[in-house]
Amino acid sequence: MPNIKINEPYLNFLLPSTEGKDYSLDMPSLGEIKVVIFSCNHCPYAQAWEDRIIAIQNSYKDKGVSVIMISSNDPVQFPEDNFEKMKERHSDKNFNFPYLFDESQEVAKNYGAERTPEVFIFNNIGLLQYTGAIDDNYEDESSVKSTYLKDALNSILADEKPVIENTDPVGCTIKWK
């Protein structure tokens, strides 16, 4: 269960990106609505949703939405999740959002993230509005019936509370040190 509850403010951080600059949620270059996704390179669930995350950023960027993806996995246990491999993944997949490295794992712990991927959406005043899964079918995008992330974003953009505020995230567990 997340440490940040619905309607609580985001916990800021300063983390290095695969593009060589540090990011914080207070950066003016980010949209007003922040979609923080804990993810990683090696998890098949995370990989299955990557193209959908890219598409969501493409669809919502002009509406003031920014996706920020964070890997918090221990790179000693899982070398494929180290910072150099994250840079390669960012380049290979052509991510259109920052991919950040939480080497200390403090951000994931502060948020209460447990899975990859796990989503936290903050509205334009920085309050958590949704947490959980991206949609209801990681295996087959054409079989998705519930688009939790998109539905929550559409509600927030319409100045409404999401109908569903949390779902159980589906994915690999974060690999703790």
C-alpha atoms as a PDB file:
ATOM      1  CA  MET A   1       0.000   0.000   0.000  1.00  0.00           C
ATOM      2  CA  PRO A   2       1.403   3.409  -0.938  1.00  0.00           C
ATOM      3  CA  ASN A   3       2.789   5.680   1.773  1.00  0.00           C
ATOM      4  CA  ILE A   4       1.206   8.645   0.001  1.00  0.00           C
ATOM      5  CA  LYS A   5      -2.565   8.533   0.276  1.00  0.00           C
ATOM      6  CA  ILE A   6      -5.151   9.967  -2.111  1.00  0.00           C
ATOM      7  CA  ASN A   7      -5.285  13.792  -1.839  1.00  0.00           C
ATOM      8  CA  GLU A   8      -1.858  13.976  -0.171  1.00  0.00           C
ATOM      9  CA  PRO A   9       0.930  15.979  -1.853  1.00  0.00           C
ATOM     10  CA  TYR A  10       3.786  14.450  -3.790  1.00  0.00           C
ATOM     11  CA  LEU A  11       7.116  13.983  -2.090  1.00  0.00           C
ATOM     12  CA  ASN A  12       9.719  15.816  -4.106  1.00  0.00           C
ATOM     13  CA  PHE A  13      13.085  14.351  -5.059  1.00  0.00           C
ATOM     14  CA  LEU A  14      16.161  15.141  -7.101  1.00  0.00           C
ATOM     15  CA  LEU A  15      17.295  12.203  -9.231  1.00  0.00           C
ATOM     16  CA  PRO A  16      19.649  11.785 -12.188  1.00  0.00           C
ATOM     17  CA  SER A  17      18.140  11.030 -15.590  1.00  0.00           C
ATOM     18  CA  THR A  18      19.444   8.822 -18.362  1.00  0.00           C
ATOM     19  CA  GLU A  19      19.790  12.020 -20.406  1.00  0.00           C
ATOM     20  CA  GLY A  20      22.398  13.495 -18.066  1.00  0.00           C
ATOM     21  CA  LYS A  21      20.399  15.993 -16.043  1.00  0.00           C
ATOM     22  CA  ASP A  22      18.788  15.886 -12.629  1.00  0.00           C
ATOM     23  CA  TYR A  23      15.010  16.043 -12.280  1.00  0.00           C
ATOM     24  CA  SER A  24      12.703  17.185  -9.522  1.00  0.00           C
ATOM     25  CA  LEU A  25       8.908  17.355  -9.652  1.00  0.00           C
ATOM     26  CA  ASP A  26       9.113  21.136  -9.146  1.00  0.00           C
ATOM     27  CA  MET A  27      10.850  21.724 -12.479  1.00  0.00           C
ATOM     28  CA  PRO A  28       9.001  24.268 -14.632  1.00  0.00           C
ATOM     29  CA  SER A  29       9.713  22.159 -17.739  1.00  0.00           C
ATOM     30  CA  LEU A  30       7.392  19.429 -16.434  1.00  0.00           C
ATOM     31  CA  GLY A  31       3.657  19.688 -16.986  1.00  0.00           C
ATOM     32  CA  GLU A  32       1.251  20.592 -14.218  1.00  0.00           C
ATOM     33  CA  ILE A  33      -0.008  17.001 -13.957  1.00  0.00           C
ATOM     34  CA  LYS A  34       2.686  14.486 -13.040  1.00  0.00           C
ATOM     35  CA  VAL A  35       2.522  10.769 -13.736  1.00  0.00           C
ATOM     36  CA  VAL A  36       5.268   9.128 -11.673  1.00  0.00           C
ATOM     37  CA  ILE A  37       5.831   5.503 -12.705  1.00  0.00           C
ATOM     38  CA  PHE A  38       8.171   3.192 -10.840  1.00  0.00           C
ATOM     39  CA  SER A  39       9.562   0.766 -13.404  1.00  0.00           C
ATOM     40  CA  CYS A  40      12.767  -0.980 -14.478  1.00  0.00           C
ATOM     41  CA  ASN A  41      14.491  -2.537 -17.477  1.00  0.00           C
ATOM     42  CA  HIS A  42      14.257  -6.268 -16.825  1.00  0.00           C
ATOM     43  CA  CYS A  43      10.682  -6.859 -15.638  1.00  0.00           C
ATOM     44  CA  PRO A  44       8.494  -8.379 -18.388  1.00  0.00           C
ATOM     45  CA  TYR A  45       5.448  -6.519 -17.024  1.00  0.00           C
ATOM     46  CA  ALA A  46       7.284  -3.188 -17.196  1.00  0.00           C
ATOM     47  CA  GLN A  47       8.502  -3.989 -20.709  1.00  0.00           C
ATOM     48  CA  ALA A  48       4.977  -4.931 -21.828  1.00  0.00           C
ATOM     49  CA  TRP A  49       3.613  -1.522 -20.849  1.00  0.00           C
ATOM     50  CA  GLU A  50       6.486   0.655 -22.175  1.00  0.00           C
ATOM     51  CA  ASP A  51       4.960   1.346 -25.593  1.00  0.00           C
ATOM     52  CA  ARG A  52       1.642   2.254 -23.966  1.00  0.00           C
ATOM     53  CA  ILE A  53       3.441   4.652 -21.607  1.00  0.00           C
ATOM     54  CA  ILE A  54       5.153   6.287 -24.602  1.00  0.00           C
ATOM     55  CA  ALA A  55       1.772   6.596 -26.353  1.00  0.00           C
ATOM     56  CA  ILE A  56       0.168   8.118 -23.246  1.00  0.00           C
ATOM     57  CA  GLN A  57       2.926  10.729 -23.021  1.00  0.00           C
ATOM     58  CA  ASN A  58       2.424  11.511 -26.725  1.00  0.00           C
ATOM     59  CA  SER A  59      -1.346  11.862 -26.293  1.00  0.00           C
ATOM     60  CA  TYR A  60      -1.314  13.929 -23.102  1.00  0.00           C
ATOM     61  CA  LYS A  61       1.854  16.062 -23.306  1.00  0.00           C
ATOM     62  CA  ASP A  62       0.029  18.996 -24.934  1.00  0.00           C
ATOM     63  CA  LYS A  63      -2.551  18.853 -22.132  1.00  0.00           C
ATOM     64  CA  GLY A  64       0.068  19.599 -19.455  1.00  0.00           C
ATOM     65  CA  VAL A  65       0.817  16.007 -18.458  1.00  0.00           C
ATOM     66  CA  SER A  66       4.364  14.750 -17.842  1.00  0.00           C
ATOM     67  CA  VAL A  67       5.361  11.140 -17.356  1.00  0.00           C
ATOM     68  CA  ILE A  68       8.390  10.602 -15.120  1.00  0.00           C
ATOM     69  CA  MET A  69       9.676   7.026 -14.939  1.00  0.00           C
ATOM     70  CA  ILE A  70      11.903   5.913 -12.042  1.00  0.00           C
ATOM     71  CA  SER A  71      13.926   2.734 -11.589  1.00  0.00           C
ATOM     72  CA  SER A  72      14.672   1.884  -7.964  1.00  0.00           C
ATOM     73  CA  ASN A  73      15.886  -1.701  -8.385  1.00  0.00           C
ATOM     74  CA  ASP A  74      19.141  -2.829  -6.827  1.00  0.00           C
ATOM     75  CA  PRO A  75      21.605  -2.924  -9.764  1.00  0.00           C
ATOM     76  CA  VAL A  76      23.920  -5.293  -7.879  1.00  0.00           C
ATOM     77  CA  GLN A  77      21.297  -8.057  -7.794  1.00  0.00           C
ATOM     78  CA  PHE A  78      19.960  -7.085 -11.225  1.00  0.00           C
ATOM     79  CA  PRO A  79      22.792  -5.680 -13.375  1.00  0.00           C
ATOM     80  CA  GLU A  80      20.364  -5.207 -16.295  1.00  0.00           C
ATOM     81  CA  ASP A  81      18.793  -2.422 -14.192  1.00  0.00           C
ATOM     82  CA  ASN A  82      22.030  -0.468 -13.687  1.00  0.00           C
ATOM     83  CA  PHE A  83      22.293   3.141 -14.818  1.00  0.00           C
ATOM     84  CA  GLU A  84      24.257   2.350 -18.000  1.00  0.00           C
ATOM     85  CA  LYS A  85      21.665  -0.242 -19.048  1.00  0.00           C
ATOM     86  CA  MET A  86      18.909   2.289 -18.236  1.00  0.00           C
ATOM     87  CA  LYS A  87      20.567   4.738 -20.652  1.00  0.00           C
ATOM     88  CA  GLU A  88      20.621   2.029 -23.333  1.00  0.00           C
ATOM     89  CA  ARG A  89      16.947   1.182 -22.722  1.00  0.00           C
ATOM     90  CA  HIS A  90      15.971   4.863 -22.926  1.00  0.00           C
ATOM     91  CA  SER A  91      17.780   5.172 -26.248  1.00  0.00           C
ATOM     92  CA  ASP A  92      16.595   1.833 -27.701  1.00  0.00           C
ATOM     93  CA  LYS A  93      12.937   2.498 -26.823  1.00  0.00           C
ATOM     94  CA  ASN A  94      13.168   6.223 -27.626  1.00  0.00           C
ATOM     95  CA  PHE A  95      11.446   7.187 -24.378  1.00  0.00           C
ATOM     96  CA  ASN A  96       9.723  10.572 -24.641  1.00  0.00           C
ATOM     97  CA  PHE A  97       9.886  11.172 -20.898  1.00  0.00           C
ATOM     98  CA  PRO A  98      12.646  11.283 -18.284  1.00  0.00           C
ATOM     99  CA  TYR A  99      13.902   7.950 -16.960  1.00  0.00           C
ATOM    100  CA  LEU A 100      15.399   8.482 -13.502  1.00  0.00           C
ATOM    101  CA  PHE A 101      17.626   6.362 -11.283  1.00  0.00           C
ATOM    102  CA  ASP A 102      16.734   6.063  -7.594  1.00  0.00           C
ATOM    103  CA  GLU A 103      20.003   4.397  -6.585  1.00  0.00           C
ATOM    104  CA  SER A 104      19.420   4.869  -2.838  1.00  0.00           C
ATOM    105  CA  GLN A 105      15.857   3.508  -3.174  1.00  0.00           C
ATOM    106  CA  GLU A 106      14.685   6.324  -0.887  1.00  0.00           C
ATOM    107  CA  VAL A 107      12.132   7.694  -3.369  1.00  0.00           C
ATOM    108  CA  ALA A 108      10.478   4.293  -3.832  1.00  0.00           C
ATOM    109  CA  LYS A 109      10.447   3.778  -0.061  1.00  0.00           C
ATOM    110  CA  ASN A 110       9.014   7.250   0.570  1.00  0.00           C
ATOM    111  CA  TYR A 111       6.268   6.671  -1.984  1.00  0.00           C
ATOM    112  CA  GLY A 112       5.590   3.144  -0.776  1.00  0.00           C
ATOM    113  CA  ALA A 113       6.085   1.737  -4.269  1.00  0.00           C
ATOM    114  CA  GLU A 114       6.258  -2.035  -4.391  1.00  0.00           C
ATOM    115  CA  ARG A 115       5.922  -3.059  -8.051  1.00  0.00           C
ATOM    116  CA  THR A 116       7.230  -2.342 -11.521  1.00  0.00           C
ATOM    117  CA  PRO A 117       5.317  -0.691 -13.008  1.00  0.00           C
ATOM    118  CA  GLU A 118       3.406   1.235 -10.348  1.00  0.00           C
ATOM    119  CA  VAL A 119       1.716   4.542 -11.162  1.00  0.00           C
ATOM    120  CA  PHE A 120       1.165   7.666  -9.029  1.00  0.00           C
ATOM    121  CA  ILE A 121      -0.763  10.559 -10.662  1.00  0.00           C
ATOM    122  CA  PHE A 122      -0.624  14.028  -9.108  1.00  0.00           C
ATOM    123  CA  ASN A 123      -3.018  16.777 -10.183  1.00  0.00           C
ATOM    124  CA  ASN A 124      -2.155  20.388 -11.023  1.00  0.00           C
ATOM    125  CA  ILE A 125      -1.835  21.300  -7.335  1.00  0.00           C
ATOM    126  CA  GLY A 126       0.373  18.287  -6.608  1.00  0.00           C
ATOM    127  CA  LEU A 127      -2.138  16.032  -4.839  1.00  0.00           C
ATOM    128  CA  LEU A 128      -2.284  12.287  -5.446  1.00  0.00           C
ATOM    129  CA  GLN A 129      -5.382  11.392  -7.447  1.00  0.00           C
ATOM    130  CA  TYR A 130      -4.672   7.824  -8.601  1.00  0.00           C
ATOM    131  CA  THR A 131      -2.262   5.032  -7.792  1.00  0.00           C
ATOM    132  CA  GLY A 132      -1.951   1.524  -9.189  1.00  0.00           C
ATOM    133  CA  ALA A 133      -1.866  -0.192 -12.572  1.00  0.00           C
ATOM    134  CA  ILE A 134      -1.725   1.300 -16.074  1.00  0.00           C
ATOM    135  CA  ASP A 135      -4.584  -0.842 -17.376  1.00  0.00           C
ATOM    136  CA  ASP A 136      -6.049  -4.296 -16.836  1.00  0.00           C
ATOM    137  CA  ASN A 137      -4.048  -6.361 -19.340  1.00  0.00           C
ATOM    138  CA  TYR A 138      -0.276  -6.191 -19.613  1.00  0.00           C
ATOM    139  CA  GLU A 139      -0.126  -9.192 -21.964  1.00  0.00           C
ATOM    140  CA  ASP A 140      -2.394  -7.994 -24.748  1.00  0.00           C
ATOM    141  CA  GLU A 141      -3.109  -4.337 -25.362  1.00  0.00           C
ATOM    142  CA  SER A 142      -5.967  -5.224 -27.736  1.00  0.00           C
ATOM    143  CA  SER A 143      -7.749  -7.027 -24.867  1.00  0.00           C
ATOM    144  CA  VAL A 144      -7.641  -4.100 -22.427  1.00  0.00           C
ATOM    145  CA  LYS A 145     -11.073  -3.380 -20.963  1.00  0.00           C
ATOM    146  CA  SER A 146     -10.137  -0.854 -18.241  1.00  0.00           C
ATOM    147  CA  THR A 147      -7.679   1.934 -19.031  1.00  0.00           C
ATOM    148  CA  TYR A 148      -7.094   3.077 -15.452  1.00  0.00           C
ATOM    149  CA  LEU A 149      -4.298   5.555 -16.150  1.00  0.00           C
ATOM    150  CA  LYS A 150      -6.027   7.193 -19.123  1.00  0.00           C
ATOM    151  CA  ASP A 151      -9.381   7.285 -17.309  1.00  0.00           C
ATOM    152  CA  ALA A 152      -7.780   8.971 -14.297  1.00  0.00           C
ATOM    153  CA  LEU A 153      -5.994  11.512 -16.504  1.00  0.00           C
ATOM    154  CA  ASN A 154      -9.208  12.307 -18.384  1.00  0.00           C
ATOM    155  CA  SER A 155     -11.036  12.886 -15.092  1.00  0.00           C
ATOM    156  CA  ILE A 156      -8.262  15.090 -13.707  1.00  0.00           C
ATOM    157  CA  LEU A 157      -8.134  17.121 -16.929  1.00  0.00           C
ATOM    158  CA  ALA A 158     -11.904  17.637 -16.637  1.00  0.00           C
ATOM    159  CA  ASP A 159     -11.415  18.902 -13.048  1.00  0.00           C
ATOM    160  CA  GLU A 160     -13.126  15.803 -11.695  1.00  0.00           C
ATOM    161  CA  LYS A 161     -11.982  13.145  -9.248  1.00  0.00           C
ATOM    162  CA  PRO A 162     -11.148   9.826 -10.895  1.00  0.00           C
ATOM    163  CA  VAL A 163     -13.934   7.272 -10.507  1.00  0.00           C
ATOM    164  CA  ILE A 164     -11.295   4.689  -9.601  1.00  0.00           C
ATOM    165  CA  GLU A 165      -8.618   6.168  -7.321  1.00  0.00           C
ATOM    166  CA  ASN A 166      -6.524   3.059  -6.824  1.00  0.00           C
ATOM    167  CA  THR A 167      -5.998  -0.383  -8.243  1.00  0.00           C
ATOM    168  CA  ASP A 168      -3.566  -3.111  -7.338  1.00  0.00           C
ATOM    169  CA  PRO A 169      -0.362  -2.635  -9.329  1.00  0.00           C
ATOM    170  CA  VAL A 170       0.572  -5.646 -11.430  1.00  0.00           C
ATOM    171  CA  GLY A 171       4.233  -6.395 -12.007  1.00  0.00           C
ATOM    172  CA  CYS A 172       7.517  -7.530 -10.559  1.00  0.00           C
ATOM    173  CA  THR A 173       8.413  -6.531  -7.038  1.00  0.00           C
ATOM    174  CA  ILE A 174      10.959  -3.778  -6.594  1.00  0.00           C
ATOM    175  CA  LYS A 175      14.310  -5.444  -5.920  1.00  0.00           C
ATOM    176  CA  TRP A 176      15.453  -4.030  -2.574  1.00  0.00           C
ATOM    177  CA  LYS A 177      19.071  -3.926  -1.416  1.00  0.00           C
END
